[in-house]
Protein backbone atom coordinates (compact mmCIF):
# COMPACT_ATOMS: atom_id res chain seq x y z
CA UNK A 1 -0.09 0.04 -0.13
CA UNK A 2 2.89 2.32 0.87
CA UNK A 3 5.01 1.64 -1.79
CA UNK A 4 1.91 2.75 -4.48
CA UNK A 5 1.19 5.67 -2.17
CA UNK A 6 4.68 6.75 -2.62
CA UNK A 7 4.62 6.84 -6.24
CA UNK A 8 1.70 8.28 -6.22
CA UNK A 9 3.04 11.56 -3.98
CA UNK A 10 6.02 11.17 -6.07
CA UNK A 11 3.94 11.67 -9.17
CA UNK A 12 2.21 14.50 -7.51
CA UNK A 13 5.43 16.30 -6.93
CA UNK A 14 6.55 16.24 -10.39
CA UNK A 15 3.18 17.52 -11.73
CA UNK A 16 3.88 20.69 -9.53
CA UNK A 17 7.16 21.34 -11.12
CA UNK A 18 5.74 20.48 -14.80
CA UNK A 19 2.81 23.08 -14.02
CA UNK A 20 4.50 25.87 -12.22
CA UNK A 21 5.39 27.57 -15.43
CA UNK A 22 1.86 28.17 -16.03
CA UNK A 23 0.98 30.22 -12.97
CA UNK A 24 1.69 33.48 -14.63
CA UNK A 25 0.01 35.20 -11.32
CA UNK A 26 3.50 34.22 -9.79
CA UNK A 27 5.61 36.57 -11.29
CA UNK A 28 4.20 39.85 -10.59
CA UNK A 29 5.85 42.34 -8.44
CA UNK A 30 5.27 43.47 -5.57
CA UNK A 31 6.19 39.48 -4.92
CA UNK A 32 2.92 37.39 -5.47
CA UNK A 33 0.96 36.93 -1.77
CA UNK A 34 0.95 33.52 -2.45
CA UNK A 35 4.84 33.05 -2.79
CA UNK A 36 4.84 35.03 0.40
CA UNK A 37 2.42 32.44 2.23
CA UNK A 38 4.20 29.47 0.64
CA UNK A 39 7.68 30.44 1.87
CA UNK A 40 5.67 31.09 5.24
CA UNK A 41 4.16 27.76 5.20
CA UNK A 42 7.69 26.12 4.47
CA UNK A 43 9.37 27.94 7.41
CA UNK A 44 6.07 26.44 9.64
CA UNK A 45 6.80 23.07 8.34
CA UNK A 46 10.99 23.58 9.17
CA UNK A 47 10.24 24.91 12.83
CA UNK A 48 7.21 22.73 13.64
CA UNK A 49 7.74 19.39 11.87
CA UNK A 50 11.61 19.39 10.56
CA UNK A 51 13.48 20.30 13.25
CA UNK A 52 11.76 17.90 15.65
CA UNK A 53 12.72 15.01 13.27
CA UNK A 54 16.22 16.59 13.41
CA UNK A 55 16.17 15.85 16.94
CA UNK A 56 14.63 12.44 16.46
CA UNK A 57 17.65 11.19 14.07
CA UNK A 58 20.13 12.72 16.20
CA UNK A 59 18.99 10.71 19.55
CA UNK A 60 18.79 7.47 17.11
CA UNK A 61 21.90 7.99 16.18
CA UNK A 62 23.55 8.42 19.71
CA UNK A 63 22.57 4.92 20.47
CA UNK A 64 24.32 3.65 17.24
CA UNK A 65 27.83 2.17 17.05
CA UNK A 66 29.62 4.79 15.10
CA UNK A 67 33.28 4.87 13.17
CA UNK A 68 36.09 6.76 14.70
CA UNK A 69 35.13 9.72 12.54
CA UNK A 70 31.86 10.34 13.97
CA UNK A 71 32.87 9.32 17.66
CA UNK A 72 34.18 13.15 18.59
CA UNK A 73 31.01 14.77 17.12
CA UNK A 74 28.00 15.42 19.22
CA UNK A 75 25.90 17.03 16.96
CA UNK A 76 26.13 15.02 13.72
CA UNK A 77 22.87 15.32 11.97
CA UNK A 78 22.92 19.41 12.75
CA UNK A 79 26.34 19.45 11.19
CA UNK A 80 25.07 18.17 7.94
CA UNK A 81 22.18 20.23 8.38
CA UNK A 82 24.41 23.22 8.38
CA UNK A 83 26.42 21.82 5.38
CA UNK A 84 23.44 21.55 2.97
CA UNK A 85 22.86 25.06 3.96
CA UNK A 86 26.27 26.34 3.13
CA UNK A 87 26.40 24.00 0.30
CA UNK A 88 23.48 25.63 -1.76
CA UNK A 89 24.44 29.06 -0.45
CA UNK A 90 27.60 29.18 -1.83
CA UNK A 91 26.18 27.96 -5.60
CA UNK A 92 23.29 30.68 -5.08
CA UNK A 93 26.70 33.28 -4.39
CA UNK A 94 28.21 31.85 -7.72
CA UNK A 95 25.27 32.45 -9.41
CA UNK A 96 24.63 35.93 -8.62
CA UNK A 97 28.46 36.88 -9.35
CA UNK A 98 28.16 35.73 -12.71
CA UNK A 99 24.79 37.01 -13.13
CA UNK A 100 25.91 40.51 -11.68
CA UNK A 101 29.43 40.52 -13.82
CA UNK A 102 27.48 39.35 -17.30
CA UNK A 103 29.81 36.54 -17.57
CA UNK A 104 28.07 34.57 -20.24
CA UNK A 105 31.10 31.86 -20.20
CA UNK A 106 30.24 30.81 -17.15
CA UNK A 107 26.41 31.35 -17.13
CA UNK A 108 26.10 27.96 -18.63
CA UNK A 109 28.10 25.79 -16.51
CA UNK A 110 26.66 27.64 -13.37
CA UNK A 111 23.36 27.15 -14.66
CA UNK A 112 24.28 23.23 -14.73
CA UNK A 113 25.94 23.70 -11.52
CA UNK A 114 22.54 25.34 -10.08
CA UNK A 115 20.11 22.65 -11.64
CA UNK A 116 22.19 20.05 -10.66
CA UNK A 117 22.15 20.69 -6.94
CA UNK A 118 18.41 20.90 -7.08
CA UNK A 119 18.48 17.94 -9.20
CA UNK A 120 19.98 15.89 -6.03
CA UNK A 121 18.00 18.04 -3.62
CA UNK A 122 14.88 16.76 -5.04
CA UNK A 123 15.90 13.10 -5.48
CA UNK A 124 16.63 13.34 -2.05
CA UNK A 125 12.83 14.26 -1.42
CA UNK A 126 11.76 11.46 -3.54
CA UNK A 127 13.86 9.27 -1.92
CA UNK A 128 12.71 10.19 1.58
CA UNK A 129 9.14 9.29 -0.01
CA UNK A 130 10.28 5.50 0.22
CA UNK A 131 12.44 5.62 3.35
CA UNK A 132 10.91 8.46 5.16
CA UNK A 133 9.10 7.59 8.53
CA UNK A 134 5.70 8.63 7.78
CA UNK A 135 3.19 6.62 10.33
CA UNK A 136 0.25 7.85 8.34
CA UNK A 137 -1.78 9.50 5.55
CA UNK A 138 -1.60 12.65 7.47
CA UNK A 139 2.30 12.27 7.70
CA UNK A 140 2.41 12.09 3.81
CA UNK A 141 -0.11 15.21 3.35
CA UNK A 142 2.01 17.29 5.49
CA UNK A 143 5.33 16.35 3.60
CA UNK A 144 3.40 16.89 0.30
CA UNK A 145 1.70 20.16 0.83
CA UNK A 146 4.64 21.99 2.56
CA UNK A 147 7.02 20.73 -0.11
CA UNK A 148 4.80 21.31 -2.96
CA UNK A 149 4.40 25.15 -2.42
CA UNK A 150 8.42 25.05 -1.54
CA UNK A 151 8.75 23.87 -5.14
CA UNK A 152 6.56 26.34 -6.75
CA UNK A 153 8.46 28.94 -4.47
CA UNK A 154 11.70 27.41 -6.08
CA UNK A 155 11.03 27.01 -9.34
CA UNK A 156 10.19 30.82 -9.54
CA UNK A 157 13.26 31.92 -8.25
CA UNK A 158 14.86 29.57 -10.71
CA UNK A 159 12.72 30.85 -13.30
CA UNK A 160 13.61 34.38 -12.44
CA UNK A 161 17.73 33.18 -12.46
CA UNK A 162 17.75 31.68 -15.62
CA UNK A 163 14.98 32.72 -17.44
CA UNK A 164 14.19 31.05 -20.77
CA UNK A 165 16.72 28.07 -20.61
CA UNK A 166 15.11 27.11 -17.37
CA UNK A 167 12.07 26.32 -19.11
CA UNK A 168 13.62 24.91 -21.70
CA UNK A 169 15.98 22.32 -19.89
CA UNK A 170 15.63 22.91 -16.39
CA UNK A 171 12.39 22.40 -15.32
CA UNK A 172 12.31 18.87 -17.00
CA UNK A 173 15.01 17.91 -14.93
CA UNK A 174 13.75 18.94 -11.87
CA UNK A 175 10.54 17.28 -12.81
CA UNK A 176 12.15 13.68 -13.28
CA UNK A 177 14.35 14.08 -10.51
CA UNK A 178 11.73 13.44 -7.94
CA UNK A 179 10.64 10.04 -9.94
CA UNK A 180 14.68 8.98 -10.27
CA UNK A 181 14.67 9.45 -6.29
CA UNK A 182 11.75 7.63 -5.84
CA UNK A 183 12.94 4.64 -8.45
CA UNK A 184 16.46 4.72 -6.24
CA UNK A 185 14.68 4.25 -3.13
CA UNK A 186 12.50 1.31 -4.40
CA UNK A 187 15.77 -0.21 -5.60
CA UNK A 188 18.21 0.46 -2.74
CA UNK A 189 18.25 0.18 1.21
CA UNK A 190 20.46 2.07 3.31
CA UNK A 191 21.27 2.39 7.03
CA UNK A 192 19.38 4.29 9.31
CA UNK A 193 22.61 6.60 9.65
CA UNK A 194 22.53 7.46 6.22
CA UNK A 195 18.78 8.13 6.37
CA UNK A 196 19.26 10.88 9.25
CA UNK A 197 22.02 12.40 7.11
CA UNK A 198 20.24 12.96 3.99
CA UNK A 199 17.40 14.14 6.02
CA UNK A 200 19.50 16.65 7.74
CA UNK A 201 21.26 17.80 4.44
CA UNK A 202 17.46 18.16 2.84
CA UNK A 203 16.68 20.22 5.92
CA UNK A 204 19.45 22.50 5.19
CA UNK A 205 18.56 23.32 1.58
CA UNK A 206 15.25 23.90 2.63
CA UNK A 207 16.02 26.46 5.10
CA UNK A 208 18.20 28.08 2.61
CA UNK A 209 16.12 28.30 0.15
CA UNK A 210 13.24 29.45 1.80
CA UNK A 211 15.36 32.23 3.39
CA UNK A 212 16.78 33.29 -0.19
CA UNK A 213 13.60 33.53 -1.82
CA UNK A 214 12.06 35.66 0.94
CA UNK A 215 14.41 37.80 2.61
CA UNK A 216 16.00 39.87 -0.39
CA UNK A 217 14.88 43.52 -0.63
CA UNK A 218 14.31 43.21 -4.38
CA UNK A 219 11.23 40.54 -3.79
CA UNK A 220 9.51 43.12 -2.21
CA UNK A 221 7.63 40.20 -0.26
CA UNK A 222 4.44 40.59 1.57
CA UNK A 223 5.15 40.18 5.03
CA UNK A 224 1.32 40.13 6.16
CA UNK A 225 0.86 36.87 3.47
CA UNK A 226 3.84 35.44 5.17
CA UNK A 227 3.04 35.84 8.24
CA UNK A 228 -0.39 34.46 7.58
CA UNK A 229 1.37 31.16 6.04
CA UNK A 230 3.48 30.66 8.92
CA UNK A 231 0.37 31.06 11.37
CA UNK A 232 -1.88 29.20 9.35
CA UNK A 233 -0.06 26.05 8.71
CA UNK A 234 1.56 25.98 12.36
CA UNK A 235 -1.81 25.82 13.84
CA UNK A 236 -2.49 23.03 11.13
CA UNK A 237 0.80 21.11 12.26
CA UNK A 238 -0.38 21.25 15.89
CA UNK A 239 -3.95 20.44 15.62
CA UNK A 240 -3.53 17.45 13.75
C-alpha cells in the first residue's frame, strides 16, 4: 500500500514542477502574496516538523555504533544540516556573481551546477518518500503539501535567475528528478544513519532556499501573507 502511495505522491511532486510555469500570477512584482504565504508555510514546516525530526534522528544516532570519524562529534545531524545550507548558499552566490558581472561564459556552467544541486535536492525528497518515517496518511499529506508550495517558490526563483533556459531544460530535469529519487529508493535500502544524514542535508537546503526566496529586498515580499502562512500552517500542524 505504502509503495503505491509513495509513487502517487512522487507523481504529484513531479506534476507541481511541470505545472509551475503556467502559474503566471506568480511573476508579478510586488511579490505574489501566494509566494510569500508559501514561504511562510515552509518556515512553519521547518520549525514545527523538520527540526523536531532532526532531534529524533540525532537521538537515534547516539545509540548506534559509530566509526572513529563520528565518535568525537556530538551534533552529527545538525552539522550535516548546516553543511547542506552552506552548499546551497555557495552555489547561489556563484550564480549571482556571474549574473552581476554578465559572465556569459560561466553562465551555462553555473546553470548546470545550479540545476544539478536542485536535482540532488529533489532526488533526496523523492528518496525519502520511500524511506522516510511516515506513520499515517496525515504524515504523507503534511510532507507533500509543505514541499509542494516550496517547489513552486523554488521554480519561481530559478525561472527568474535563468529565464528561458530553465523552462527549456531545467524544469524537465527537476520534474523527473523526484521520480528518479523515488526509483532509487525502491531499488536500494540504506542504514538509518544514512537516512538521518540525508534528511539533515535536505533540511539545511530547505532552510536556505526559503530564506533566499523571501528575504532579499528586491523580492518586495508581502509580510502579512508570510506571517499568515507561518501562523496558519503552524496551527494546522499543531492540531493534527
